[in-house]
C-alpha atoms as a PDB file:
ATOM      1  CA  MET A   1      96.915  63.000  48.681  1.00  0.00           C
ATOM      2  CA  ASP A   2      94.821  64.643  45.938  1.00  0.00           C
ATOM      3  CA  VAL A   3      95.273  64.554  42.163  1.00  0.00           C
ATOM      4  CA  VAL A   4      94.401  67.732  40.259  1.00  0.00           C
ATOM      5  CA  ASP A   5      94.668  67.763  36.429  1.00  0.00           C
ATOM      6  CA  GLY A   6      96.991  64.796  36.512  1.00  0.00           C
ATOM      7  CA  GLU A   7      99.334  66.372  39.051  1.00  0.00           C
ATOM      8  CA  MET A   8      99.747  65.435  42.663  1.00  0.00           C
ATOM      9  CA  LYS A   9      98.792  68.097  45.189  1.00  0.00           C
ATOM     10  CA  ILE A  10     101.336  68.854  47.898  1.00  0.00           C
ATOM     11  CA  GLU A  11     100.052  68.333  51.414  1.00  0.00           C
ATOM     12  CA  LYS A  12     101.302  70.651  54.143  1.00  0.00           C
ATOM     13  CA  GLU A  13     101.320  69.962  57.829  1.00  0.00           C
ATOM     14  CA  TYR A  14     102.576  71.945  60.801  1.00  0.00           C
ATOM     15  CA  ASP A  15     104.144  70.281  63.778  1.00  0.00           C
ATOM     16  CA  GLN A  16     105.864  71.901  66.795  1.00  0.00           C
ATOM     17  CA  GLY A  17     107.067  74.988  64.974  1.00  0.00           C
ATOM     18  CA  PHE A  18     108.161  73.176  61.806  1.00  0.00           C
ATOM     19  CA  ARG A  19     106.406  73.015  58.473  1.00  0.00           C
ATOM     20  CA  VAL A  20     106.362  69.521  56.926  1.00  0.00           C
ATOM     21  CA  GLU A  21     105.701  69.029  53.223  1.00  0.00           C
ATOM     22  CA  HIS A  22     104.889  65.639  51.722  1.00  0.00           C
ATOM     23  CA  GLU A  23     105.069  65.028  48.004  1.00  0.00           C
ATOM     24  CA  GLY A  24     104.607  61.814  45.978  1.00  0.00           C
ATOM     25  CA  ASP A  25     104.051  58.302  47.286  1.00  0.00           C
ATOM     26  CA  ASP A  26     107.222  58.047  49.329  1.00  0.00           C
ATOM     27  CA  HIS A  27     105.876  60.504  51.984  1.00  0.00           C
ATOM     28  CA  GLN A  28     109.407  61.790  52.464  1.00  0.00           C
ATOM     29  CA  GLY A  29     109.161  65.152  54.212  1.00  0.00           C
ATOM     30  CA  ARG A  30     111.164  68.371  54.261  1.00  0.00           C
ATOM     31  CA  LEU A  31     111.507  70.230  57.538  1.00  0.00           C
ATOM     32  CA  LEU A  32     111.658  74.012  57.426  1.00  0.00           C
ATOM     33  CA  ASP A  33     113.032  75.502  60.629  1.00  0.00           C
ATOM     34  CA  SER A  34     110.573  77.930  62.225  1.00  0.00           C
ATOM     35  CA  SER A  35     113.459  80.350  62.799  1.00  0.00           C
ATOM     36  CA  LYS A  36     113.534  80.985  59.055  1.00  0.00           C
ATOM     37  CA  ILE A  37     109.832  81.687  59.037  1.00  0.00           C
ATOM     38  CA  LYS A  38     110.289  84.158  61.906  1.00  0.00           C
ATOM     39  CA  LYS A  39     113.450  85.765  60.498  1.00  0.00           C
ATOM     40  CA  LYS A  40     111.664  88.947  59.449  1.00  0.00           C
ATOM     41  CA  LYS A  41     110.101  89.391  62.897  1.00  0.00           C
ATOM     42  CA  GLN A  42     113.477  88.905  64.583  1.00  0.00           C
ATOM     43  CA  LYS A  43     115.051  91.575  62.385  1.00  0.00           C
ATOM     44  CA  MET A  44     112.230  93.949  63.245  1.00  0.00           C
ATOM     45  CA  ALA A  45     112.708  93.322  66.974  1.00  0.00           C
ATOM     46  CA  THR A  46     116.450  93.974  66.662  1.00  0.00           C
ATOM     47  CA  ARG A  47     115.811  97.229  64.835  1.00  0.00           C
ATOM     48  CA  CYS A  48     113.348  98.333  67.482  1.00  0.00           C
ATOM     49  CA  ASP A  49     115.793  97.465  70.287  1.00  0.00           C
ATOM     50  CA  GLN A  50     118.476  99.573  68.635  1.00  0.00           C
ATOM     51  CA  GLN A  51     116.135 102.541  68.372  1.00  0.00           C
ATOM     52  CA  TYR A  52     115.168 102.767  72.025  1.00  0.00           C
ATOM     53  CA  THR A  53     118.739 102.140  73.222  1.00  0.00           C
ATOM     54  CA  THR A  54     120.206 104.915  71.086  1.00  0.00           C
ATOM     55  CA  PRO A  55     122.669 106.759  73.416  1.00  0.00           C
ATOM     56  CA  SER A  56     121.784 110.251  72.170  1.00  0.00           C
ATOM     57  CA  PRO A  57     118.215 110.460  70.872  1.00  0.00           C
ATOM     58  CA  PRO A  58     117.141 113.605  69.003  1.00  0.00           C
ATOM     59  CA  ASP A  59     115.982 116.532  71.086  1.00  0.00           C
ATOM     60  CA  LEU A  60     112.381 117.635  71.400  1.00  0.00           C
ATOM     61  CA  PRO A  61     111.382 119.525  68.214  1.00  0.00           C
ATOM     62  CA  ILE A  62     111.232 123.307  68.485  1.00  0.00           C
ATOM     63  CA  LYS A  63     107.511 123.467  67.679  1.00  0.00           C
ATOM     64  CA  PHE A  64     106.794 121.245  70.690  1.00  0.00           C
ATOM     65  CA  ARG A  65     108.988 123.384  72.944  1.00  0.00           C
ATOM     66  CA  LYS A  66     107.152 126.507  71.814  1.00  0.00           C
ATOM     67  CA  ARG A  67     103.813 124.836  72.437  1.00  0.00           C
ATOM     68  CA  ILE A  68     104.868 123.748  75.933  1.00  0.00           C
ATOM     69  CA  ARG A  69     106.242 127.198  76.795  1.00  0.00           C
ATOM     70  CA  ALA A  70     102.993 128.799  75.591  1.00  0.00           C
ATOM     71  CA  LEU A  71     101.128 126.593  78.056  1.00  0.00           C
ATOM     72  CA  GLY A  72     103.455 127.591  80.889  1.00  0.00           C
ATOM     73  CA  GLY A  73     105.231 124.230  80.938  1.00  0.00           C
ATOM     74  CA  SER A  74     108.722 123.400  82.229  1.00  0.00           C
ATOM     75  CA  ASP A  75     110.904 120.469  83.378  1.00  0.00           C
ATOM     76  CA  ILE A  76     110.894 118.800  79.956  1.00  0.00           C
ATOM     77  CA  ALA A  77     112.332 115.261  79.987  1.00  0.00           C
ATOM     78  CA  LEU A  78     112.443 112.306  77.608  1.00  0.00           C
ATOM     79  CA  VAL A  79     110.518 109.350  79.071  1.00  0.00           C
ATOM     80  CA  ILE A  80     110.956 106.758  76.326  1.00  0.00           C
ATOM     81  CA  GLN A  81     111.876 106.332  72.689  1.00  0.00           C
ATOM     82  CA  LYS A  82     110.424 103.152  71.232  1.00  0.00           C
ATOM     83  CA  CYS A  83     109.456 101.349  68.074  1.00  0.00           C
ATOM     84  CA  LEU A  84     105.731 100.721  67.877  1.00  0.00           C
ATOM     85  CA  PHE A  85     104.794  97.068  67.847  1.00  0.00           C
ATOM     86  CA  LYS A  86     101.590  95.665  66.411  1.00  0.00           C
ATOM     87  CA  ILE A  87     100.011  95.470  69.855  1.00  0.00           C
ATOM     88  CA  ASP A  88     100.696  99.202  70.441  1.00  0.00           C
ATOM     89  CA  VAL A  89      98.466 100.153  67.508  1.00  0.00           C
ATOM     90  CA  SER A  90      95.912  97.350  67.853  1.00  0.00           C
ATOM     91  CA  SER A  91      92.411  98.706  68.417  1.00  0.00           C
ATOM     92  CA  GLY A  92      91.615  95.586  70.421  1.00  0.00           C
ATOM     93  CA  HIS A  93      94.236  96.465  73.047  1.00  0.00           C
ATOM     94  CA  ASN A  94      93.826 100.262  73.178  1.00  0.00           C
ATOM     95  CA  ARG A  95      97.071 101.017  74.972  1.00  0.00           C
ATOM     96  CA  LEU A  96     100.660 102.171  74.529  1.00  0.00           C
ATOM     97  CA  SER A  97     103.114 100.270  76.695  1.00  0.00           C
ATOM     98  CA  ILE A  98     105.975 101.998  78.526  1.00  0.00           C
ATOM     99  CA  PRO A  99     108.160  99.154  79.870  1.00  0.00           C
ATOM    100  CA  PHE A 100     110.172 100.015  82.968  1.00  0.00           C
ATOM    101  CA  ASN A 101     113.423  98.779  81.415  1.00  0.00           C
ATOM    102  CA  GLN A 102     113.070 101.271  78.543  1.00  0.00           C
ATOM    103  CA  ILE A 103     112.324 104.375  80.611  1.00  0.00           C
ATOM    104  CA  ARG A 104     115.231 106.783  80.267  1.00  0.00           C
ATOM    105  CA  GLN A 105     114.709 108.797  83.427  1.00  0.00           C
ATOM    106  CA  THR A 106     112.301 109.171  86.307  1.00  0.00           C
ATOM    107  CA  PHE A 107     109.313 111.277  85.286  1.00  0.00           C
ATOM    108  CA  LEU A 108     106.992 110.738  88.248  1.00  0.00           C
ATOM    109  CA  THR A 109     107.141 112.250  91.709  1.00  0.00           C
ATOM    110  CA  PRO A 110     107.264 109.870  94.705  1.00  0.00           C
ATOM    111  CA  GLN A 111     103.637 110.719  95.422  1.00  0.00           C
ATOM    112  CA  GLU A 112     102.562 109.907  91.842  1.00  0.00           C
ATOM    113  CA  THR A 113     104.496 106.646  91.912  1.00  0.00           C
ATOM    114  CA  GLU A 114     102.860 105.660  95.208  1.00  0.00           C
ATOM    115  CA  PHE A 115      99.416 106.482  93.822  1.00  0.00           C
ATOM    116  CA  LEU A 116      99.887 104.325  90.695  1.00  0.00           C
ATOM    117  CA  ASN A 117     101.255 101.502  92.856  1.00  0.00           C
ATOM    118  CA  SER A 118      98.086 101.532  94.952  1.00  0.00           C
ATOM    119  CA  GLY A 119      95.938  99.744  92.329  1.00  0.00           C
ATOM    120  CA  ASP A 120      95.298  96.013  92.499  1.00  0.00           C
ATOM    121  CA  ASN A 121      96.059  95.466  88.772  1.00  0.00           C
ATOM    122  CA  LYS A 122      92.612  93.940  88.220  1.00  0.00           C
ATOM    123  CA  LYS A 123      89.378  95.906  88.071  1.00  0.00           C
ATOM    124  CA  LYS A 124      90.586  98.889  90.048  1.00  0.00           C
ATOM    125  CA  CYS A 125      93.879 100.043  88.539  1.00  0.00           C
ATOM    126  CA  SER A 126      94.791 103.469  89.846  1.00  0.00           C
ATOM    127  CA  GLU A 127      95.131 105.916  86.988  1.00  0.00           C
ATOM    128  CA  MET A 128      96.111 109.519  86.406  1.00  0.00           C
ATOM    129  CA  GLU A 129      94.438 111.735  83.826  1.00  0.00           C
ATOM    130  CA  VAL A 130      97.185 113.764  82.150  1.00  0.00           C
ATOM    131  CA  MET A 131      97.358 116.290  79.353  1.00  0.00           C
ATOM    132  CA  LEU A 132      98.798 114.908  76.111  1.00  0.00           C
ATOM    133  CA  ILE A 133     100.171 116.965  73.237  1.00  0.00           C
ATOM    134  CA  GLU A 134      99.823 114.770  70.164  1.00  0.00           C
ATOM    135  CA  PRO A 135     102.222 114.620  67.173  1.00  0.00           C
ATOM    136  CA  PHE A 136     100.221 117.249  65.250  1.00  0.00           C
ATOM    137  CA  LEU A 137     100.133 119.451  68.374  1.00  0.00           C
ATOM    138  CA  ARG A 138      96.520 118.731  69.237  1.00  0.00           C
ATOM    139  CA  ARG A 139      95.968 118.910  72.985  1.00  0.00           C
ATOM    140  CA  GLY A 140      93.887 116.282  74.766  1.00  0.00           C
ATOM    141  CA  THR A 141      93.930 113.973  77.780  1.00  0.00           C
ATOM    142  CA  ILE A 142      95.046 110.389  78.309  1.00  0.00           C
ATOM    143  CA  SER A 143      95.034 107.968  81.245  1.00  0.00           C
ATOM    144  CA  LEU A 144      98.291 106.709  82.754  1.00  0.00           C
ATOM    145  CA  ARG A 145      98.293 103.404  84.649  1.00  0.00           C
ATOM    146  CA  LYS A 146     100.754 100.861  85.993  1.00  0.00           C
ATOM    147  CA  TRP A 147     100.401  97.237  84.922  1.00  0.00           C
ATOM    148  CA  GLU A 148     102.033  94.010  86.012  1.00  0.00           C
ATOM    149  CA  MET A 149     102.146  91.616  83.057  1.00  0.00           C
ATOM    150  CA  LYS A 150     102.563  88.010  84.178  1.00  0.00           C
ATOM    151  CA  LYS A 151     104.644  85.649  82.036  1.00  0.00           C
ATOM    152  CA  ALA A 152     104.174  81.921  81.512  1.00  0.00           C
ATOM    153  CA  SER A 153     107.209  81.341  83.751  1.00  0.00           C
ATOM    154  CA  GLY A 154     105.377  82.931  86.650  1.00  0.00           C
ATOM    155  CA  SER A 155     107.486  86.091  86.760  1.00  0.00           C
ATOM    156  CA  ALA A 156     106.020  89.527  86.035  1.00  0.00           C
ATOM    157  CA  THR A 157     107.061  92.523  83.945  1.00  0.00           C
ATOM    158  CA  SER A 158     106.176  95.990  85.195  1.00  0.00           C
ATOM    159  CA  MET A 159     105.178  98.764  82.826  1.00  0.00           C
ATOM    160  CA  TYR A 160     103.205 101.951  82.575  1.00  0.00           C
ATOM    161  CA  VAL A 161     100.511 102.178  79.922  1.00  0.00           C
ATOM    162  CA  LEU A 162      98.598 104.973  78.243  1.00  0.00           C
ATOM    163  CA  VAL A 163      94.950 103.926  77.960  1.00  0.00           C
ATOM    164  CA  GLY A 164      91.479 105.410  77.629  1.00  0.00           C
ATOM    165  CA  GLN A 165      91.727 107.561  74.494  1.00  0.00           C
ATOM    166  CA  TRP A 166      94.764 105.786  73.032  1.00  0.00           C
ATOM    167  CA  ASN A 167      92.907 104.257  70.071  1.00  0.00           C
ATOM    168  CA  LEU A 168      91.714 107.718  69.078  1.00  0.00           C
ATOM    169  CA  VAL A 169      95.210 109.168  69.426  1.00  0.00           C
ATOM    170  CA  ALA A 170      96.681 106.377  67.286  1.00  0.00           C
ATOM    171  CA  TRP A 171      94.007 106.806  64.596  1.00  0.00           C
ATOM    172  CA  ARG A 172      94.097 110.596  64.565  1.00  0.00           C
ATOM    173  CA  ASN A 173      97.879 110.664  64.130  1.00  0.00           C
ATOM    174  CA  ALA A 174      98.103 107.686  61.736  1.00  0.00           C
ATOM    175  CA  LEU A 175     100.419 105.723  64.018  1.00  0.00           C
ATOM    176  CA  ARG A 176     101.685 102.542  62.387  1.00  0.00           C
ATOM    177  CA  GLU A 177     103.599  99.434  63.388  1.00  0.00           C
ATOM    178  CA  ASP A 178     107.419  99.850  63.121  1.00  0.00           C
ATOM    179  CA  GLU A 179     107.271 103.648  63.489  1.00  0.00           C
ATOM    180  CA  THR A 180     109.492 105.224  66.138  1.00  0.00           C
ATOM    181  CA  VAL A 181     107.921 107.533  68.690  1.00  0.00           C
ATOM    182  CA  GLN A 182     109.129 109.503  71.669  1.00  0.00           C
ATOM    183  CA  LEU A 183     107.153 110.267  74.814  1.00  0.00           C
ATOM    184  CA  TRP A 184     108.227 113.396  76.691  1.00  0.00           C
ATOM    185  CA  SER A 185     107.078 114.640  80.079  1.00  0.00           C
ATOM    186  CA  PHE A 186     106.746 118.193  81.316  1.00  0.00           C
ATOM    187  CA  ARG A 187     105.040 120.018  84.161  1.00  0.00           C
ATOM    188  CA  ILE A 188     102.493 122.819  84.314  1.00  0.00           C
ATOM    189  CA  ASN A 189     102.167 124.147  87.857  1.00  0.00           C
ATOM    190  CA  SER A 190     103.737 120.894  89.074  1.00  0.00           C
ATOM    191  CA  LYS A 191     101.102 118.798  87.263  1.00  0.00           C
ATOM    192  CA  LEU A 192     102.362 116.005  84.993  1.00  0.00           C
ATOM    193  CA  CYS A 193     101.787 116.414  81.255  1.00  0.00           C
ATOM    194  CA  LEU A 194     103.023 114.404  78.249  1.00  0.00           C
ATOM    195  CA  ALA A 195     103.956 115.007  74.618  1.00  0.00           C
ATOM    196  CA  LEU A 196     104.063 112.363  71.897  1.00  0.00           C
ATOM    197  CA  VAL A 197     106.464 112.837  68.970  1.00  0.00           C
ATOM    198  CA  LYS A 198     106.631 110.749  65.787  1.00  0.00           C
ATOM    199  CA  ARG A 199     110.095 110.033  64.448  1.00  0.00           C
ATOM    200  CA  LYS A 200     111.446 108.183  61.428  1.00  0.00           C
ATOM    201  CA  ALA A 201     114.834 106.467  61.631  1.00  0.00           C
ATOM    202  CA  LYS A 202     117.187 106.858  58.677  1.00  0.00           C
ATOM    203  CA  SER A 203     119.930 104.432  57.776  1.00  0.00           C
ATOM    204  CA  TYR A 204     122.696 106.868  58.649  1.00  0.00           C
ATOM    205  CA  GLY A 205     121.531 107.254  62.231  1.00  0.00           C
ATOM    206  CA  TYR A 206     119.602 110.536  62.232  1.00  0.00           C
ATOM    207  CA  PHE A 207     115.922 111.048  62.799  1.00  0.00           C
ATOM    208  CA  VAL A 208     113.446 113.167  60.912  1.00  0.00           C
ATOM    209  CA  GLU A 209     110.359 114.504  62.629  1.00  0.00           C
ATOM    210  CA  PHE A 210     106.956 113.942  61.020  1.00  0.00           C
END
């Protein structure tokens, strides 16, 4: 216990998810439930869940359709609509996750699926280099892989990830945590290609394209 300008300084301790504050000589503490501290994060997670489970997401913007047609593309399909989490835009991770349980429809051929399944998930993940149309219609390439993320319980979660140039894509298009994006697939001469669209959710349920 410290005394500063005649006043006692409050000591703070953290124990098993609770914050404990001691004040005065009686050392009587107040417990603050960690759920209150995490309330904001829980609300964010709920909002993100609602966005990717929206029954009827907005269609692909016209400017993207024109761009895809100009490239000779077809078979346009929505892969995923998701809220970006901190880890999706973290330069230290350099990847966009595409969890299996959020994928709206199959976008890979059986041969492509088999190829991505052939990696050992360690140093030799199989990957596909695919064309990516970015939110501002810039055309580049990105690597698609399959990952198995192990949990503390011992079970694993399967997902696809976009890696390689993802940090550059995120920076170039000013992607931020909590933003909603869509990933669309299309084919040019049977070859898989992707398009990334930025969306912004409004309170009345519609989306506005950036």
